[in-house]
Every structure is written in structure tokens, then in C-alpha cells.
N, C-alpha and C. Protein backbone atom coordinates (compact mmCIF):
# COMPACT_ATOMS: atom_id res chain seq x y z
N MET A 1 28.01 -4.13 -5.25
CA MET A 1 26.62 -3.84 -5.49
C MET A 1 26.37 -2.34 -5.23
N ILE A 2 25.73 -1.69 -6.16
CA ILE A 2 25.41 -0.28 -6.02
C ILE A 2 23.99 -0.18 -5.48
N THR A 3 23.84 0.57 -4.39
CA THR A 3 22.51 0.76 -3.83
C THR A 3 21.97 2.12 -4.25
N GLU A 4 20.67 2.19 -4.45
CA GLU A 4 20.06 3.44 -4.84
C GLU A 4 19.96 4.37 -3.64
N THR A 5 20.12 5.64 -3.89
CA THR A 5 19.98 6.61 -2.82
C THR A 5 18.50 6.80 -2.52
N ALA A 6 18.23 7.34 -1.35
CA ALA A 6 16.84 7.61 -0.96
C ALA A 6 16.19 8.59 -1.93
N GLU A 7 16.97 9.52 -2.45
CA GLU A 7 16.43 10.50 -3.38
C GLU A 7 15.99 9.83 -4.69
N ILE A 8 16.79 8.88 -5.18
CA ILE A 8 16.42 8.17 -6.41
C ILE A 8 15.15 7.36 -6.18
N LYS A 9 15.05 6.67 -5.03
CA LYS A 9 13.85 5.87 -4.74
C LYS A 9 12.63 6.77 -4.58
N LYS A 10 12.79 7.92 -3.93
CA LYS A 10 11.68 8.86 -3.76
C LYS A 10 11.21 9.35 -5.14
N ASN A 11 12.15 9.63 -6.03
CA ASN A 11 11.79 10.04 -7.39
C ASN A 11 11.06 8.93 -8.13
N LYS A 12 11.52 7.69 -7.97
CA LYS A 12 10.83 6.54 -8.59
C LYS A 12 9.42 6.44 -8.05
N LEU A 13 9.28 6.56 -6.74
CA LEU A 13 7.97 6.47 -6.10
C LEU A 13 7.04 7.54 -6.67
N THR A 14 7.49 8.77 -6.67
CA THR A 14 6.65 9.89 -7.13
C THR A 14 6.33 9.77 -8.62
N ASN A 15 7.35 9.52 -9.43
CA ASN A 15 7.14 9.46 -10.88
C ASN A 15 6.26 8.28 -11.28
N THR A 16 6.51 7.11 -10.69
CA THR A 16 5.71 5.93 -11.03
C THR A 16 4.27 6.11 -10.57
N ARG A 17 4.09 6.63 -9.36
CA ARG A 17 2.72 6.86 -8.85
C ARG A 17 1.98 7.86 -9.74
N ASN A 18 2.62 8.96 -10.08
CA ASN A 18 1.94 9.98 -10.90
C ASN A 18 1.62 9.46 -12.29
N ARG A 19 2.47 8.61 -12.83
CA ARG A 19 2.25 8.06 -14.18
C ARG A 19 1.16 6.99 -14.18
N LEU A 20 1.18 6.10 -13.18
CA LEU A 20 0.26 4.96 -13.17
C LEU A 20 -1.03 5.20 -12.40
N HIS A 21 -1.01 6.10 -11.44
CA HIS A 21 -2.18 6.32 -10.58
C HIS A 21 -2.56 7.81 -10.50
N PRO A 22 -2.76 8.46 -11.62
CA PRO A 22 -3.02 9.90 -11.58
C PRO A 22 -4.31 10.29 -10.86
N ASN A 23 -5.26 9.39 -10.75
CA ASN A 23 -6.53 9.68 -10.09
C ASN A 23 -6.86 8.70 -8.98
N CYS A 24 -5.87 8.03 -8.44
CA CYS A 24 -6.08 6.99 -7.44
C CYS A 24 -6.85 7.52 -6.22
N VAL A 25 -7.82 6.76 -5.77
CA VAL A 25 -8.63 7.14 -4.62
C VAL A 25 -7.80 7.12 -3.33
N VAL A 26 -6.70 6.38 -3.32
CA VAL A 26 -5.86 6.30 -2.11
C VAL A 26 -4.75 7.35 -2.13
N CYS A 27 -3.99 7.43 -3.23
CA CYS A 27 -2.76 8.21 -3.18
C CYS A 27 -2.68 9.44 -4.08
N SER A 28 -3.65 9.65 -4.94
CA SER A 28 -3.58 10.82 -5.82
C SER A 28 -3.87 12.09 -5.04
N GLN A 29 -2.98 13.05 -5.19
CA GLN A 29 -3.19 14.35 -4.54
C GLN A 29 -4.21 15.19 -5.30
N SER A 30 -4.53 14.81 -6.54
CA SER A 30 -5.47 15.58 -7.34
C SER A 30 -6.90 15.05 -7.27
N ASN A 31 -7.13 13.93 -6.59
CA ASN A 31 -8.47 13.38 -6.45
C ASN A 31 -9.12 13.98 -5.20
N ALA A 32 -9.97 14.96 -5.41
CA ALA A 32 -10.58 15.69 -4.29
C ALA A 32 -11.43 14.80 -3.38
N ARG A 33 -11.95 13.70 -3.91
CA ARG A 33 -12.78 12.79 -3.10
C ARG A 33 -11.97 11.64 -2.51
N GLY A 34 -10.69 11.60 -2.83
CA GLY A 34 -9.85 10.51 -2.35
C GLY A 34 -9.22 10.79 -1.00
N LEU A 35 -8.46 9.83 -0.52
CA LEU A 35 -7.78 9.95 0.77
C LEU A 35 -6.52 10.81 0.69
N GLN A 36 -5.92 10.93 -0.48
CA GLN A 36 -4.74 11.76 -0.73
C GLN A 36 -3.57 11.41 0.20
N LEU A 37 -3.34 10.11 0.42
CA LEU A 37 -2.22 9.70 1.27
C LEU A 37 -0.90 10.05 0.58
N ASN A 38 0.01 10.61 1.35
CA ASN A 38 1.32 11.00 0.85
C ASN A 38 2.35 10.02 1.42
N PHE A 39 2.76 9.05 0.63
CA PHE A 39 3.67 8.01 1.09
C PHE A 39 5.11 8.51 1.07
N ASN A 40 5.81 8.21 2.15
CA ASN A 40 7.22 8.56 2.28
C ASN A 40 8.03 7.29 2.48
N LEU A 41 9.29 7.35 2.07
CA LEU A 41 10.19 6.21 2.25
C LEU A 41 10.58 6.04 3.70
N CYS A 42 10.73 4.79 4.12
CA CYS A 42 11.18 4.45 5.48
C CYS A 42 12.60 3.88 5.41
N ASN A 43 13.27 3.85 6.53
CA ASN A 43 14.63 3.32 6.59
C ASN A 43 14.70 1.83 6.23
N ASN A 44 13.60 1.10 6.43
CA ASN A 44 13.59 -0.35 6.14
C ASN A 44 13.31 -0.64 4.66
N GLY A 45 13.25 0.40 3.83
CA GLY A 45 12.99 0.22 2.40
C GLY A 45 11.52 0.27 2.05
N GLY A 46 10.67 0.34 3.05
CA GLY A 46 9.23 0.41 2.82
C GLY A 46 8.74 1.84 2.70
N VAL A 47 7.44 2.00 2.83
CA VAL A 47 6.81 3.32 2.79
C VAL A 47 5.84 3.45 3.95
N ALA A 48 5.49 4.70 4.27
CA ALA A 48 4.51 4.97 5.32
C ALA A 48 3.78 6.26 5.00
N ALA A 49 2.55 6.36 5.50
CA ALA A 49 1.75 7.58 5.34
C ALA A 49 0.81 7.72 6.52
N ASP A 50 0.61 8.94 6.95
CA ASP A 50 -0.36 9.24 8.00
C ASP A 50 -1.70 9.55 7.33
N PHE A 51 -2.79 9.21 8.00
CA PHE A 51 -4.12 9.48 7.46
C PHE A 51 -5.14 9.55 8.58
N GLU A 52 -6.31 10.13 8.27
CA GLU A 52 -7.47 10.15 9.16
C GLU A 52 -8.69 9.77 8.34
N ILE A 53 -9.63 9.10 8.98
CA ILE A 53 -10.88 8.70 8.34
C ILE A 53 -12.01 9.51 8.98
N ASN A 54 -12.97 9.93 8.16
CA ASN A 54 -14.13 10.63 8.71
C ASN A 54 -15.42 9.87 8.34
N GLU A 55 -16.57 10.44 8.71
CA GLU A 55 -17.86 9.76 8.55
C GLU A 55 -18.19 9.40 7.11
N THR A 56 -17.63 10.11 6.14
CA THR A 56 -17.97 9.81 4.75
C THR A 56 -17.47 8.43 4.33
N LEU A 57 -16.58 7.84 5.13
CA LEU A 57 -16.01 6.53 4.79
C LEU A 57 -16.31 5.47 5.84
N GLU A 58 -17.36 5.69 6.63
CA GLU A 58 -17.67 4.72 7.67
C GLU A 58 -18.53 3.58 7.15
N GLY A 59 -18.45 2.45 7.86
CA GLY A 59 -19.33 1.32 7.63
C GLY A 59 -20.40 1.42 8.70
N TYR A 60 -20.16 0.72 9.83
CA TYR A 60 -21.02 0.91 10.99
C TYR A 60 -20.76 2.30 11.56
N PRO A 61 -21.70 2.85 12.32
CA PRO A 61 -21.49 4.18 12.89
C PRO A 61 -20.15 4.28 13.65
N SER A 62 -19.38 5.31 13.32
CA SER A 62 -18.10 5.62 13.97
C SER A 62 -17.01 4.58 13.71
N VAL A 63 -17.19 3.72 12.71
CA VAL A 63 -16.18 2.71 12.36
C VAL A 63 -15.91 2.80 10.86
N PRO A 64 -14.64 2.96 10.47
CA PRO A 64 -14.34 3.00 9.03
C PRO A 64 -14.76 1.70 8.34
N HIS A 65 -15.23 1.82 7.12
CA HIS A 65 -15.62 0.65 6.33
C HIS A 65 -14.39 -0.21 6.08
N GLY A 66 -14.54 -1.53 6.21
CA GLY A 66 -13.43 -2.44 6.00
C GLY A 66 -12.85 -2.36 4.60
N GLY A 67 -13.69 -2.07 3.62
CA GLY A 67 -13.21 -1.92 2.26
C GLY A 67 -12.30 -0.72 2.09
N VAL A 68 -12.55 0.33 2.85
CA VAL A 68 -11.69 1.52 2.81
C VAL A 68 -10.33 1.17 3.40
N ILE A 69 -10.33 0.45 4.50
CA ILE A 69 -9.06 0.04 5.13
C ILE A 69 -8.31 -0.90 4.19
N SER A 70 -9.03 -1.77 3.52
CA SER A 70 -8.40 -2.66 2.54
C SER A 70 -7.74 -1.85 1.43
N SER A 71 -8.41 -0.81 0.98
CA SER A 71 -7.86 0.06 -0.06
C SER A 71 -6.61 0.78 0.43
N VAL A 72 -6.61 1.20 1.69
CA VAL A 72 -5.42 1.85 2.26
C VAL A 72 -4.24 0.89 2.23
N PHE A 73 -4.47 -0.36 2.64
CA PHE A 73 -3.40 -1.37 2.59
C PHE A 73 -2.92 -1.60 1.16
N ASP A 74 -3.85 -1.76 0.25
CA ASP A 74 -3.51 -2.00 -1.15
C ASP A 74 -2.68 -0.83 -1.71
N GLY A 75 -3.09 0.38 -1.38
CA GLY A 75 -2.35 1.56 -1.84
C GLY A 75 -0.97 1.64 -1.24
N ALA A 76 -0.84 1.30 0.03
CA ALA A 76 0.47 1.34 0.68
C ALA A 76 1.43 0.34 0.05
N MET A 77 0.94 -0.87 -0.19
CA MET A 77 1.79 -1.90 -0.79
C MET A 77 2.15 -1.54 -2.22
N GLY A 78 1.19 -1.00 -2.96
CA GLY A 78 1.47 -0.58 -4.32
C GLY A 78 2.52 0.52 -4.36
N ASN A 79 2.42 1.50 -3.46
CA ASN A 79 3.40 2.58 -3.41
C ASN A 79 4.77 2.08 -2.99
N CYS A 80 4.80 1.07 -2.14
CA CYS A 80 6.08 0.46 -1.76
C CYS A 80 6.78 -0.10 -3.00
N LEU A 81 6.00 -0.71 -3.87
CA LEU A 81 6.58 -1.26 -5.10
C LEU A 81 6.88 -0.17 -6.12
N PHE A 82 6.10 0.92 -6.12
CA PHE A 82 6.43 2.06 -6.99
C PHE A 82 7.84 2.56 -6.70
N ALA A 83 8.22 2.55 -5.43
CA ALA A 83 9.56 3.02 -5.04
C ALA A 83 10.65 2.13 -5.62
N GLN A 84 10.29 0.91 -6.01
CA GLN A 84 11.25 -0.01 -6.65
C GLN A 84 11.20 0.11 -8.17
N GLY A 85 10.32 0.98 -8.67
CA GLY A 85 10.16 1.13 -10.11
C GLY A 85 9.25 0.09 -10.72
N CYS A 86 8.53 -0.66 -9.90
CA CYS A 86 7.62 -1.71 -10.38
C CYS A 86 6.28 -1.11 -10.80
N THR A 87 5.57 -1.85 -11.63
CA THR A 87 4.21 -1.50 -12.02
C THR A 87 3.29 -2.61 -11.50
N PRO A 88 2.95 -2.57 -10.20
CA PRO A 88 2.29 -3.71 -9.55
C PRO A 88 0.81 -3.84 -9.84
N VAL A 89 0.37 -5.10 -9.78
CA VAL A 89 -1.03 -5.47 -9.82
C VAL A 89 -1.27 -6.39 -8.62
N THR A 90 -2.33 -6.16 -7.89
CA THR A 90 -2.63 -6.98 -6.72
C THR A 90 -3.11 -8.35 -7.17
N ALA A 91 -2.47 -9.39 -6.63
CA ALA A 91 -2.89 -10.77 -6.92
C ALA A 91 -3.68 -11.33 -5.75
N GLN A 92 -3.30 -10.95 -4.53
CA GLN A 92 -3.98 -11.47 -3.34
C GLN A 92 -3.74 -10.48 -2.20
N LEU A 93 -4.78 -10.27 -1.39
CA LEU A 93 -4.67 -9.36 -0.25
C LEU A 93 -5.42 -9.96 0.93
N ASN A 94 -4.70 -10.26 2.01
CA ASN A 94 -5.30 -10.82 3.22
C ASN A 94 -5.14 -9.82 4.35
N ILE A 95 -6.24 -9.55 5.04
CA ILE A 95 -6.24 -8.53 6.09
C ILE A 95 -6.75 -9.12 7.39
N ARG A 96 -6.11 -8.72 8.47
CA ARG A 96 -6.58 -9.09 9.80
C ARG A 96 -6.92 -7.80 10.54
N PHE A 97 -8.19 -7.63 10.85
CA PHE A 97 -8.65 -6.47 11.61
C PHE A 97 -8.57 -6.83 13.08
N ARG A 98 -7.72 -6.14 13.83
CA ARG A 98 -7.50 -6.46 15.24
C ARG A 98 -8.33 -5.59 16.19
N HIS A 99 -8.36 -4.30 15.91
CA HIS A 99 -9.09 -3.34 16.74
C HIS A 99 -9.68 -2.28 15.83
N PRO A 100 -10.81 -1.70 16.21
CA PRO A 100 -11.39 -0.64 15.38
C PRO A 100 -10.45 0.57 15.27
N ILE A 101 -10.41 1.15 14.10
CA ILE A 101 -9.65 2.38 13.89
C ILE A 101 -10.55 3.54 14.26
N ALA A 102 -10.07 4.42 15.12
CA ALA A 102 -10.88 5.56 15.57
C ALA A 102 -11.00 6.60 14.46
N MET A 103 -12.18 7.16 14.33
CA MET A 103 -12.43 8.22 13.36
C MET A 103 -11.80 9.52 13.86
N HIS A 104 -11.42 10.36 12.95
CA HIS A 104 -10.88 11.70 13.23
C HIS A 104 -9.61 11.67 14.08
N LYS A 105 -8.91 10.57 14.06
CA LYS A 105 -7.63 10.44 14.79
C LYS A 105 -6.58 9.98 13.80
N SER A 106 -5.40 10.53 13.93
CA SER A 106 -4.32 10.17 13.02
C SER A 106 -3.91 8.70 13.19
N ALA A 107 -3.70 8.04 12.08
CA ALA A 107 -3.19 6.66 12.05
C ALA A 107 -2.09 6.62 11.00
N THR A 108 -1.22 5.63 11.10
CA THR A 108 -0.13 5.47 10.14
C THR A 108 -0.20 4.10 9.51
N VAL A 109 -0.17 4.07 8.18
CA VAL A 109 -0.06 2.81 7.45
C VAL A 109 1.37 2.69 6.95
N SER A 110 1.93 1.51 7.10
CA SER A 110 3.28 1.27 6.56
C SER A 110 3.28 -0.07 5.86
N ALA A 111 4.14 -0.16 4.83
CA ALA A 111 4.24 -1.39 4.04
C ALA A 111 5.70 -1.64 3.69
N ARG A 112 6.05 -2.92 3.58
CA ARG A 112 7.42 -3.30 3.26
C ARG A 112 7.41 -4.62 2.49
N ILE A 113 8.44 -4.77 1.66
CA ILE A 113 8.60 -6.01 0.90
C ILE A 113 9.24 -7.05 1.81
N VAL A 114 8.63 -8.23 1.87
CA VAL A 114 9.15 -9.32 2.68
C VAL A 114 10.07 -10.20 1.84
N ARG A 115 9.61 -10.51 0.63
CA ARG A 115 10.45 -11.29 -0.28
C ARG A 115 9.93 -11.12 -1.71
N SER A 116 10.79 -11.48 -2.65
CA SER A 116 10.38 -11.40 -4.05
C SER A 116 11.08 -12.51 -4.83
N SER A 117 10.42 -12.89 -5.92
CA SER A 117 10.95 -13.93 -6.80
C SER A 117 10.48 -13.61 -8.20
N ASN A 118 11.42 -13.41 -9.11
CA ASN A 118 11.08 -13.00 -10.47
C ASN A 118 10.22 -11.75 -10.41
N SER A 119 8.96 -11.83 -10.80
CA SER A 119 8.10 -10.66 -10.76
C SER A 119 6.96 -10.80 -9.75
N LEU A 120 7.13 -11.71 -8.77
CA LEU A 120 6.16 -11.88 -7.69
C LEU A 120 6.74 -11.25 -6.42
N TYR A 121 5.94 -10.43 -5.77
CA TYR A 121 6.37 -9.72 -4.57
C TYR A 121 5.41 -10.02 -3.42
N ILE A 122 5.97 -10.35 -2.26
CA ILE A 122 5.19 -10.57 -1.04
C ILE A 122 5.46 -9.37 -0.13
N LEU A 123 4.39 -8.73 0.31
CA LEU A 123 4.53 -7.56 1.16
C LEU A 123 3.72 -7.74 2.44
N GLU A 124 4.13 -7.03 3.47
CA GLU A 124 3.38 -6.94 4.72
C GLU A 124 3.12 -5.47 5.02
N ALA A 125 2.02 -5.23 5.71
CA ALA A 125 1.68 -3.86 6.06
C ALA A 125 0.93 -3.86 7.39
N ASP A 126 0.93 -2.71 8.04
CA ASP A 126 0.15 -2.56 9.26
C ASP A 126 -0.36 -1.14 9.38
N ILE A 127 -1.40 -0.99 10.17
CA ILE A 127 -1.94 0.32 10.52
C ILE A 127 -1.81 0.45 12.03
N ILE A 128 -1.15 1.51 12.45
CA ILE A 128 -0.94 1.77 13.88
C ILE A 128 -1.60 3.10 14.22
N GLN A 129 -2.31 3.09 15.34
CA GLN A 129 -2.95 4.30 15.84
C GLN A 129 -2.78 4.33 17.35
N ASN A 130 -2.30 5.45 17.85
CA ASN A 130 -2.04 5.60 19.30
C ASN A 130 -1.15 4.47 19.83
N GLY A 131 -0.16 4.07 19.04
CA GLY A 131 0.78 3.04 19.47
C GLY A 131 0.26 1.62 19.43
N GLN A 132 -0.96 1.42 18.96
CA GLN A 132 -1.57 0.09 18.92
C GLN A 132 -1.74 -0.37 17.47
N ILE A 133 -1.38 -1.62 17.19
CA ILE A 133 -1.60 -2.18 15.86
C ILE A 133 -3.10 -2.43 15.71
N LYS A 134 -3.70 -1.74 14.75
CA LYS A 134 -5.14 -1.86 14.54
C LYS A 134 -5.50 -2.92 13.49
N ALA A 135 -4.61 -3.07 12.49
CA ALA A 135 -4.87 -4.05 11.44
C ALA A 135 -3.54 -4.40 10.77
N THR A 136 -3.46 -5.61 10.24
CA THR A 136 -2.27 -6.06 9.51
C THR A 136 -2.72 -6.65 8.19
N ALA A 137 -1.79 -6.70 7.24
CA ALA A 137 -2.12 -7.26 5.93
C ALA A 137 -0.90 -7.92 5.32
N GLU A 138 -1.18 -8.91 4.48
CA GLU A 138 -0.15 -9.52 3.64
C GLU A 138 -0.70 -9.52 2.23
N GLY A 139 0.15 -9.14 1.29
CA GLY A 139 -0.28 -9.08 -0.10
C GLY A 139 0.71 -9.72 -1.04
N LYS A 140 0.17 -10.26 -2.11
CA LYS A 140 1.00 -10.77 -3.21
C LYS A 140 0.71 -9.88 -4.41
N PHE A 141 1.78 -9.40 -5.00
CA PHE A 141 1.68 -8.50 -6.14
C PHE A 141 2.53 -9.04 -7.27
N ILE A 142 2.09 -8.76 -8.48
CA ILE A 142 2.89 -9.11 -9.64
C ILE A 142 3.16 -7.84 -10.44
N ASP A 143 4.27 -7.85 -11.14
CA ASP A 143 4.64 -6.73 -11.98
C ASP A 143 3.89 -6.86 -13.30
N ARG A 144 3.16 -5.81 -13.68
CA ARG A 144 2.36 -5.84 -14.92
C ARG A 144 3.20 -6.15 -16.14
N LEU A 145 4.46 -5.77 -16.12
CA LEU A 145 5.32 -5.99 -17.28
C LEU A 145 5.59 -7.47 -17.52
N ASN A 146 5.49 -8.27 -16.45
CA ASN A 146 5.72 -9.72 -16.56
C ASN A 146 4.46 -10.48 -16.15
N PHE A 147 3.31 -9.96 -16.50
CA PHE A 147 2.03 -10.46 -16.04
C PHE A 147 1.80 -11.94 -16.36
N LYS A 148 2.03 -12.35 -17.59
CA LYS A 148 1.75 -13.75 -17.98
C LYS A 148 2.64 -14.73 -17.22
N HIS A 149 3.92 -14.40 -17.08
CA HIS A 149 4.83 -15.27 -16.34
C HIS A 149 4.39 -15.38 -14.88
N SER A 150 3.98 -14.26 -14.30
CA SER A 150 3.57 -14.25 -12.90
C SER A 150 2.31 -15.05 -12.67
N LEU A 151 1.36 -14.97 -13.59
CA LEU A 151 0.12 -15.74 -13.44
C LEU A 151 0.38 -17.22 -13.44
N SER A 152 1.27 -17.69 -14.31
CA SER A 152 1.57 -19.12 -14.33
C SER A 152 2.25 -19.54 -13.03
N PHE A 153 3.10 -18.66 -12.47
CA PHE A 153 3.76 -18.96 -11.21
C PHE A 153 2.73 -19.05 -10.07
N LEU A 154 1.77 -18.13 -10.05
CA LEU A 154 0.73 -18.15 -9.01
C LEU A 154 -0.12 -19.40 -9.10
N LYS A 155 -0.42 -19.85 -10.32
CA LYS A 155 -1.21 -21.08 -10.48
C LYS A 155 -0.48 -22.29 -9.93
N GLN A 156 0.84 -22.33 -10.13
CA GLN A 156 1.64 -23.43 -9.61
C GLN A 156 1.67 -23.41 -8.09
N GLU A 157 1.68 -22.17 -7.52
CA GLU A 157 1.77 -22.03 -6.07
C GLU A 157 0.47 -22.43 -5.40
N GLY A 158 -0.64 -22.33 -6.09
CA GLY A 158 -1.92 -22.76 -5.54
C GLY A 158 -2.66 -21.63 -5.01
């Protein structure tokens, strides 16, 4: 079995992201109003990015909006699949908010593939800040290239 080098995966990640998400609110470097997360490859095959949230993205005072955190998770999982050369679409995203994420403090989001079958991918992700897990997520993604096959599989799964 031939394994891809980290450089090849990084190129897949960058090229796929730039082609499919040129204006993404989470990961595009050219979206001035976006988060501009820069995802890097991890040794476990996943991706990670550091980020900070400010008042423009808060829900309750001094607390990031849950939808923004959901978007961060979705972006991390999508970028994890970009590194595999996939063109993912989110099918399901479940999030557990454990502790509030502090504003103006660095946090790290990481995502990794747990398992895959045909064109269905199960991923896990977490956000860690100051050594504490602030939120976790599990997502199901399908590859857009095999969209119809994946939808029928999801319907069977329930």
C-alpha cells in the first residue's frame, strides 16, 4: 500500500479548499468578514486550526454564538475531507457544548475521520481552549460526487 506524503495531502487540502470554498466564511483567506481559519494537517490524519472569537460573533454578551461554533466545526470537518481529495457535503452535525469559549482567547479546533464507507464519512471534532475541551462534535458527510448513492445509504441507516 502506498501512503500519501504530508506534502501531497497539504496540496490536496489547499487546492480542494480554494476550488470549492473560495469565499467560505470559515476557511477562506480572501473573505474579509470571515474567520479565515488556516487548517493544517495533524499526525493523526486530521486537521487543526487556531482561532479567536470577538464581539462581532457573540450570542449572549461575552459568549460566542452557537451557530458560529457550529460553523467552525463544520469547516474543520470539511477541511479534513478536503485533505483526502473529497468534495464533502454535510449530512448531519451533532454538537455538545461543554463550557463557554472565552472571547479574545486562542482556541484550537481539530477534526479527524473516525470511519468511512463508500462515500459516507463519520468525523469527530473538538475545540480546546486553555487545555480544556470546550465543545465536541460528530458529523456525517457525503461526497458530492456520489451524492445519490450516499442519500439512499443515509435513508437506510435512519
